[in-house]
Amino acid sequence: MAGEEGTRQNPGALTEEQAERILAGMNEVIRAGEEMRKLRAEMIKLFAGLGWTQDKIAELADMSQPAVSKQVAKCKTGDRPPPMELHLDQRDVPWLEGRLWGLAEAVSEALDGGAHCTRFVNDLGRGKKRFTPPQNVDDLRRLLEEDLKRHQARLPGSYRDAYDEISRRLDIPEKVTATGSASVRRALAHEIQRDRLR
């Protein structure tokens, strides 16, 4: 009897499903924060490897110089990857996914958040969605394709051209050895694609 009372819920209390959703939402934020810290550390090492001063990196990252120095020190000289190519025409899947993300973000902004892909883009930015499993990339492509068809008159032709190129390459991916982690490559491609569209 006492055990039975312990499992009963208060009428005004949260349900198990509500508690699960709250905690799952918090876990997503925590996971996204951890992933973003790891990505920032990788980017700091990349910029240092490209010859940027620790003071400049600290200024741009809004960090202290000793914190940047600590990140750089974690990467031994022998562990530093070879310099990464930073041109848009690269064919590895993470690079293409980053380009797709940058294009979708540009479409969403051009349509004042009224694009089909807006929610997906926002979820990517907050870490709620990822590029794996491949179904997520397919979903983003489908939403972006719909936006490009439906709002053709409002969007520059360069958006459609970029989508066609990215889509063709994703359909027939090339086995390419690329420098840098997938997350770093996505982030760089995302930014370079956004700059090209501007």
C-alpha atoms as a PDB file:
ATOM      1  CA  MET A   1       0.000   0.000   0.000  1.00  0.00           C
ATOM      2  CA  ALA A   2       2.772   2.415   0.928  1.00  0.00           C
ATOM      3  CA  GLY A   3       4.674   1.603  -2.295  1.00  0.00           C
ATOM      4  CA  GLU A   4       1.513   2.177  -4.285  1.00  0.00           C
ATOM      5  CA  GLU A   5       1.091   5.661  -2.794  1.00  0.00           C
ATOM      6  CA  GLY A   6       4.711   6.468  -3.637  1.00  0.00           C
ATOM      7  CA  THR A   7       4.121   5.845  -7.345  1.00  0.00           C
ATOM      8  CA  ARG A   8       0.905   7.878  -7.566  1.00  0.00           C
ATOM      9  CA  GLN A   9       1.209  11.283  -9.203  1.00  0.00           C
ATOM     10  CA  ASN A  10       0.012  14.516  -7.700  1.00  0.00           C
ATOM     11  CA  PRO A  11      -2.797  15.924  -9.861  1.00  0.00           C
ATOM     12  CA  GLY A  12      -0.881  19.201 -10.238  1.00  0.00           C
ATOM     13  CA  ALA A  13       2.500  17.581 -10.860  1.00  0.00           C
ATOM     14  CA  LEU A  14       4.301  17.087 -14.150  1.00  0.00           C
ATOM     15  CA  THR A  15       3.722  13.913 -16.078  1.00  0.00           C
ATOM     16  CA  GLU A  16       6.603  11.593 -16.845  1.00  0.00           C
ATOM     17  CA  GLU A  17       6.379  12.610 -20.520  1.00  0.00           C
ATOM     18  CA  GLN A  18       6.628  16.310 -19.635  1.00  0.00           C
ATOM     19  CA  ALA A  19       9.641  15.713 -17.397  1.00  0.00           C
ATOM     20  CA  GLU A  20      11.262  13.640 -20.125  1.00  0.00           C
ATOM     21  CA  ARG A  21      10.778  16.447 -22.678  1.00  0.00           C
ATOM     22  CA  ILE A  22      12.230  19.053 -20.302  1.00  0.00           C
ATOM     23  CA  LEU A  23      15.296  16.962 -19.539  1.00  0.00           C
ATOM     24  CA  ALA A  24      15.743  15.961 -23.197  1.00  0.00           C
ATOM     25  CA  GLY A  25      15.680  19.653 -24.168  1.00  0.00           C
ATOM     26  CA  MET A  26      18.320  20.429 -21.548  1.00  0.00           C
ATOM     27  CA  ASN A  27      20.445  17.519 -22.732  1.00  0.00           C
ATOM     28  CA  GLU A  28      20.299  18.878 -26.302  1.00  0.00           C
ATOM     29  CA  VAL A  29      21.525  22.288 -25.142  1.00  0.00           C
ATOM     30  CA  ILE A  30      24.322  20.735 -23.077  1.00  0.00           C
ATOM     31  CA  ARG A  31      25.374  18.439 -25.932  1.00  0.00           C
ATOM     32  CA  ALA A  32      25.301  21.317 -28.419  1.00  0.00           C
ATOM     33  CA  GLY A  33      27.414  23.409 -26.033  1.00  0.00           C
ATOM     34  CA  GLU A  34      29.992  20.650 -25.655  1.00  0.00           C
ATOM     35  CA  GLU A  35      30.121  20.113 -29.424  1.00  0.00           C
ATOM     36  CA  MET A  36      30.505  23.856 -30.018  1.00  0.00           C
ATOM     37  CA  ARG A  37      33.355  24.096 -27.474  1.00  0.00           C
ATOM     38  CA  LYS A  38      35.120  21.222 -29.231  1.00  0.00           C
ATOM     39  CA  LEU A  39      34.584  22.874 -32.636  1.00  0.00           C
ATOM     40  CA  ARG A  40      35.885  26.206 -31.311  1.00  0.00           C
ATOM     41  CA  ALA A  41      39.019  24.477 -29.992  1.00  0.00           C
ATOM     42  CA  GLU A  42      39.598  22.868 -33.409  1.00  0.00           C
ATOM     43  CA  MET A  43      39.091  26.206 -35.161  1.00  0.00           C
ATOM     44  CA  ILE A  44      41.569  27.917 -32.805  1.00  0.00           C
ATOM     45  CA  LYS A  45      44.180  25.294 -33.685  1.00  0.00           C
ATOM     46  CA  LEU A  46      43.407  25.746 -37.386  1.00  0.00           C
ATOM     47  CA  PHE A  47      43.782  29.535 -37.212  1.00  0.00           C
ATOM     48  CA  ALA A  48      47.017  29.230 -35.234  1.00  0.00           C
ATOM     49  CA  GLY A  49      48.297  26.793 -37.872  1.00  0.00           C
ATOM     50  CA  LEU A  50      47.464  29.364 -40.559  1.00  0.00           C
ATOM     51  CA  GLY A  51      49.748  31.826 -38.771  1.00  0.00           C
ATOM     52  CA  TRP A  52      47.235  33.968 -36.883  1.00  0.00           C
ATOM     53  CA  THR A  53      48.560  35.402 -33.608  1.00  0.00           C
ATOM     54  CA  GLN A  54      47.093  34.183 -30.359  1.00  0.00           C
ATOM     55  CA  ASP A  55      46.180  37.778 -29.479  1.00  0.00           C
ATOM     56  CA  LYS A  56      44.141  38.165 -32.679  1.00  0.00           C
ATOM     57  CA  ILE A  57      42.421  34.793 -32.172  1.00  0.00           C
ATOM     58  CA  ALA A  58      41.609  35.737 -28.575  1.00  0.00           C
ATOM     59  CA  GLU A  59      40.127  39.052 -29.727  1.00  0.00           C
ATOM     60  CA  LEU A  60      37.983  37.430 -32.421  1.00  0.00           C
ATOM     61  CA  ALA A  61      36.873  34.533 -30.176  1.00  0.00           C
ATOM     62  CA  ASP A  62      36.168  36.855 -27.214  1.00  0.00           C
ATOM     63  CA  MET A  63      38.511  34.778 -25.071  1.00  0.00           C
ATOM     64  CA  SER A  64      41.552  35.570 -22.973  1.00  0.00           C
ATOM     65  CA  GLN A  65      44.945  35.135 -24.588  1.00  0.00           C
ATOM     66  CA  PRO A  66      45.990  32.544 -21.954  1.00  0.00           C
ATOM     67  CA  ALA A  67      42.857  30.489 -22.784  1.00  0.00           C
ATOM     68  CA  VAL A  68      43.769  30.554 -26.476  1.00  0.00           C
ATOM     69  CA  SER A  69      47.375  29.690 -25.630  1.00  0.00           C
ATOM     70  CA  LYS A  70      46.155  26.679 -23.651  1.00  0.00           C
ATOM     71  CA  GLN A  71      44.136  25.434 -26.656  1.00  0.00           C
ATOM     72  CA  VAL A  72      47.084  25.900 -29.013  1.00  0.00           C
ATOM     73  CA  ALA A  73      49.462  24.148 -26.587  1.00  0.00           C
ATOM     74  CA  LYS A  74      47.237  21.048 -26.581  1.00  0.00           C
ATOM     75  CA  CYS A  75      48.111  20.556 -30.237  1.00  0.00           C
ATOM     76  CA  LYS A  76      51.682  19.332 -30.541  1.00  0.00           C
ATOM     77  CA  THR A  77      53.643  20.517 -33.553  1.00  0.00           C
ATOM     78  CA  GLY A  78      53.733  16.998 -35.027  1.00  0.00           C
ATOM     79  CA  ASP A  79      49.953  16.631 -34.587  1.00  0.00           C
ATOM     80  CA  ARG A  80      49.077  19.698 -36.640  1.00  0.00           C
ATOM     81  CA  PRO A  81      47.317  18.769 -39.868  1.00  0.00           C
ATOM     82  CA  PRO A  82      48.614  20.071 -43.171  1.00  0.00           C
ATOM     83  CA  PRO A  83      47.099  23.394 -44.273  1.00  0.00           C
ATOM     84  CA  MET A  84      43.480  23.150 -45.358  1.00  0.00           C
ATOM     85  CA  GLU A  85      42.328  24.333 -48.764  1.00  0.00           C
ATOM     86  CA  LEU A  86      39.693  27.043 -48.455  1.00  0.00           C
ATOM     87  CA  HIS A  87      38.135  27.203 -51.911  1.00  0.00           C
ATOM     88  CA  LEU A  88      34.466  26.454 -52.515  1.00  0.00           C
ATOM     89  CA  ASP A  89      35.027  23.719 -55.099  1.00  0.00           C
ATOM     90  CA  GLN A  90      35.771  20.755 -52.826  1.00  0.00           C
ATOM     91  CA  ARG A  91      33.975  17.461 -53.098  1.00  0.00           C
ATOM     92  CA  ASP A  92      34.052  15.652 -49.776  1.00  0.00           C
ATOM     93  CA  VAL A  93      30.659  15.075 -48.155  1.00  0.00           C
ATOM     94  CA  PRO A  94      31.144  17.234 -45.005  1.00  0.00           C
ATOM     95  CA  TRP A  95      32.219  20.170 -47.214  1.00  0.00           C
ATOM     96  CA  LEU A  96      29.130  19.739 -49.408  1.00  0.00           C
ATOM     97  CA  GLU A  97      26.903  19.470 -46.322  1.00  0.00           C
ATOM     98  CA  GLY A  98      28.360  22.742 -45.032  1.00  0.00           C
ATOM     99  CA  ARG A  99      27.672  24.408 -48.367  1.00  0.00           C
ATOM    100  CA  LEU A 100      24.089  23.086 -48.308  1.00  0.00           C
ATOM    101  CA  TRP A 101      23.635  24.473 -44.791  1.00  0.00           C
ATOM    102  CA  GLY A 102      25.001  27.882 -45.818  1.00  0.00           C
ATOM    103  CA  LEU A 103      22.708  28.005 -48.842  1.00  0.00           C
ATOM    104  CA  ALA A 104      19.657  26.991 -46.790  1.00  0.00           C
ATOM    105  CA  GLU A 105      20.463  29.688 -44.229  1.00  0.00           C
ATOM    106  CA  ALA A 106      20.743  32.297 -46.998  1.00  0.00           C
ATOM    107  CA  VAL A 107      17.384  31.197 -48.470  1.00  0.00           C
ATOM    108  CA  SER A 108      15.753  31.379 -45.030  1.00  0.00           C
ATOM    109  CA  GLU A 109      17.057  34.914 -44.493  1.00  0.00           C
ATOM    110  CA  ALA A 110      16.060  36.025 -48.007  1.00  0.00           C
ATOM    111  CA  LEU A 111      12.506  34.826 -47.303  1.00  0.00           C
ATOM    112  CA  ASP A 112      12.425  36.525 -43.873  1.00  0.00           C
ATOM    113  CA  GLY A 113      12.196  33.217 -42.016  1.00  0.00           C
ATOM    114  CA  GLY A 114       9.208  32.090 -44.104  1.00  0.00           C
ATOM    115  CA  ALA A 115      11.090  29.349 -45.919  1.00  0.00           C
ATOM    116  CA  HIS A 116      10.259  25.663 -45.551  1.00  0.00           C
ATOM    117  CA  CYS A 117      13.864  25.058 -44.494  1.00  0.00           C
ATOM    118  CA  THR A 118      13.913  27.735 -41.739  1.00  0.00           C
ATOM    119  CA  ARG A 119      13.088  25.462 -38.823  1.00  0.00           C
ATOM    120  CA  PHE A 120      15.619  22.863 -39.969  1.00  0.00           C
ATOM    121  CA  VAL A 121      18.320  25.547 -40.355  1.00  0.00           C
ATOM    122  CA  ASN A 122      17.553  26.914 -36.880  1.00  0.00           C
ATOM    123  CA  ASP A 123      17.750  23.406 -35.417  1.00  0.00           C
ATOM    124  CA  LEU A 124      21.152  22.868 -37.087  1.00  0.00           C
ATOM    125  CA  GLY A 125      22.433  26.126 -35.631  1.00  0.00           C
ATOM    126  CA  ARG A 126      21.283  25.178 -32.128  1.00  0.00           C
ATOM    127  CA  GLY A 127      22.580  21.615 -32.340  1.00  0.00           C
ATOM    128  CA  LYS A 128      19.095  20.053 -32.274  1.00  0.00           C
ATOM    129  CA  LYS A 129      19.649  18.536 -35.723  1.00  0.00           C
ATOM    130  CA  ARG A 130      22.787  16.949 -37.126  1.00  0.00           C
ATOM    131  CA  PHE A 131      23.981  15.959 -40.543  1.00  0.00           C
ATOM    132  CA  THR A 132      23.908  12.307 -39.547  1.00  0.00           C
ATOM    133  CA  PRO A 133      22.015  10.139 -40.252  1.00  0.00           C
ATOM    134  CA  PRO A 134      21.999  10.812 -44.030  1.00  0.00           C
ATOM    135  CA  GLN A 135      18.203  11.108 -43.856  1.00  0.00           C
ATOM    136  CA  ASN A 136      18.670  14.551 -42.270  1.00  0.00           C
ATOM    137  CA  VAL A 137      20.658  15.778 -45.278  1.00  0.00           C
ATOM    138  CA  ASP A 138      17.958  14.385 -47.571  1.00  0.00           C
ATOM    139  CA  ASP A 139      15.289  16.200 -45.543  1.00  0.00           C
ATOM    140  CA  LEU A 140      17.166  19.495 -45.788  1.00  0.00           C
ATOM    141  CA  ARG A 141      17.617  19.024 -49.538  1.00  0.00           C
ATOM    142  CA  ARG A 142      13.894  18.338 -49.994  1.00  0.00           C
ATOM    143  CA  LEU A 143      12.892  21.451 -48.001  1.00  0.00           C
ATOM    144  CA  LEU A 144      15.410  23.630 -49.822  1.00  0.00           C
ATOM    145  CA  GLU A 145      14.293  22.300 -53.219  1.00  0.00           C
ATOM    146  CA  GLU A 146      10.710  23.225 -52.333  1.00  0.00           C
ATOM    147  CA  ASP A 147      11.754  26.767 -51.339  1.00  0.00           C
ATOM    148  CA  LEU A 148      13.755  27.254 -54.538  1.00  0.00           C
ATOM    149  CA  LYS A 149      10.800  26.133 -56.680  1.00  0.00           C
ATOM    150  CA  ARG A 150       8.106  28.009 -54.819  1.00  0.00           C
ATOM    151  CA  HIS A 151      10.006  31.297 -54.432  1.00  0.00           C
ATOM    152  CA  GLN A 152      11.967  31.295 -57.687  1.00  0.00           C
ATOM    153  CA  ALA A 153      10.988  34.884 -58.481  1.00  0.00           C
ATOM    154  CA  ARG A 154      12.181  36.189 -55.093  1.00  0.00           C
ATOM    155  CA  LEU A 155      15.536  34.403 -54.991  1.00  0.00           C
ATOM    156  CA  PRO A 156      18.655  35.132 -57.062  1.00  0.00           C
ATOM    157  CA  GLY A 157      19.464  32.605 -59.786  1.00  0.00           C
ATOM    158  CA  SER A 158      22.837  32.007 -58.100  1.00  0.00           C
ATOM    159  CA  TYR A 159      20.989  30.217 -55.270  1.00  0.00           C
ATOM    160  CA  ARG A 160      19.527  27.686 -57.701  1.00  0.00           C
ATOM    161  CA  ASP A 161      22.893  27.260 -59.425  1.00  0.00           C
ATOM    162  CA  ALA A 162      24.611  26.594 -56.097  1.00  0.00           C
ATOM    163  CA  TYR A 163      21.906  24.107 -55.095  1.00  0.00           C
ATOM    164  CA  ASP A 164      22.170  22.214 -58.399  1.00  0.00           C
ATOM    165  CA  GLU A 165      25.947  21.924 -58.062  1.00  0.00           C
ATOM    166  CA  ILE A 166      25.839  20.808 -54.413  1.00  0.00           C
ATOM    167  CA  SER A 167      22.992  18.383 -55.075  1.00  0.00           C
ATOM    168  CA  ARG A 168      24.725  16.753 -58.069  1.00  0.00           C
ATOM    169  CA  ARG A 169      27.860  16.187 -56.014  1.00  0.00           C
ATOM    170  CA  LEU A 170      25.932  14.792 -53.053  1.00  0.00           C
ATOM    171  CA  ASP A 171      24.126  12.373 -55.393  1.00  0.00           C
ATOM    172  CA  ILE A 172      27.440  10.934 -56.579  1.00  0.00           C
ATOM    173  CA  PRO A 173      29.865  11.512 -53.697  1.00  0.00           C
ATOM    174  CA  GLU A 174      33.552  11.205 -54.414  1.00  0.00           C
ATOM    175  CA  LYS A 175      35.882   9.365 -52.072  1.00  0.00           C
ATOM    176  CA  VAL A 176      38.167  12.226 -51.190  1.00  0.00           C
ATOM    177  CA  THR A 177      40.732  12.456 -48.407  1.00  0.00           C
ATOM    178  CA  ALA A 178      40.278  15.852 -46.825  1.00  0.00           C
ATOM    179  CA  THR A 179      42.211  17.695 -44.137  1.00  0.00           C
ATOM    180  CA  GLY A 180      40.366  18.532 -40.922  1.00  0.00           C
ATOM    181  CA  SER A 181      37.480  17.041 -39.009  1.00  0.00           C
ATOM    182  CA  ALA A 182      34.010  16.818 -40.542  1.00  0.00           C
ATOM    183  CA  SER A 183      32.623  19.475 -38.172  1.00  0.00           C
ATOM    184  CA  VAL A 184      35.426  21.943 -38.995  1.00  0.00           C
ATOM    185  CA  ARG A 185      34.972  21.342 -42.724  1.00  0.00           C
ATOM    186  CA  ARG A 186      31.199  21.877 -42.462  1.00  0.00           C
ATOM    187  CA  ALA A 187      31.683  25.122 -40.506  1.00  0.00           C
ATOM    188  CA  LEU A 188      34.231  26.479 -42.997  1.00  0.00           C
ATOM    189  CA  ALA A 189      32.186  25.497 -46.056  1.00  0.00           C
ATOM    190  CA  HIS A 190      29.084  27.025 -44.471  1.00  0.00           C
ATOM    191  CA  GLU A 191      30.829  30.368 -44.011  1.00  0.00           C
ATOM    192  CA  ILE A 192      32.547  30.381 -47.411  1.00  0.00           C
ATOM    193  CA  GLN A 193      29.251  29.526 -49.149  1.00  0.00           C
ATOM    194  CA  ARG A 194      27.504  32.370 -47.294  1.00  0.00           C
ATOM    195  CA  ASP A 195      30.242  34.795 -48.346  1.00  0.00           C
ATOM    196  CA  ARG A 196      29.985  33.677 -51.981  1.00  0.00           C
ATOM    197  CA  LEU A 197      26.208  34.198 -51.997  1.00  0.00           C
ATOM    198  CA  ARG A 198      26.561  37.699 -50.536  1.00  0.00           C
END
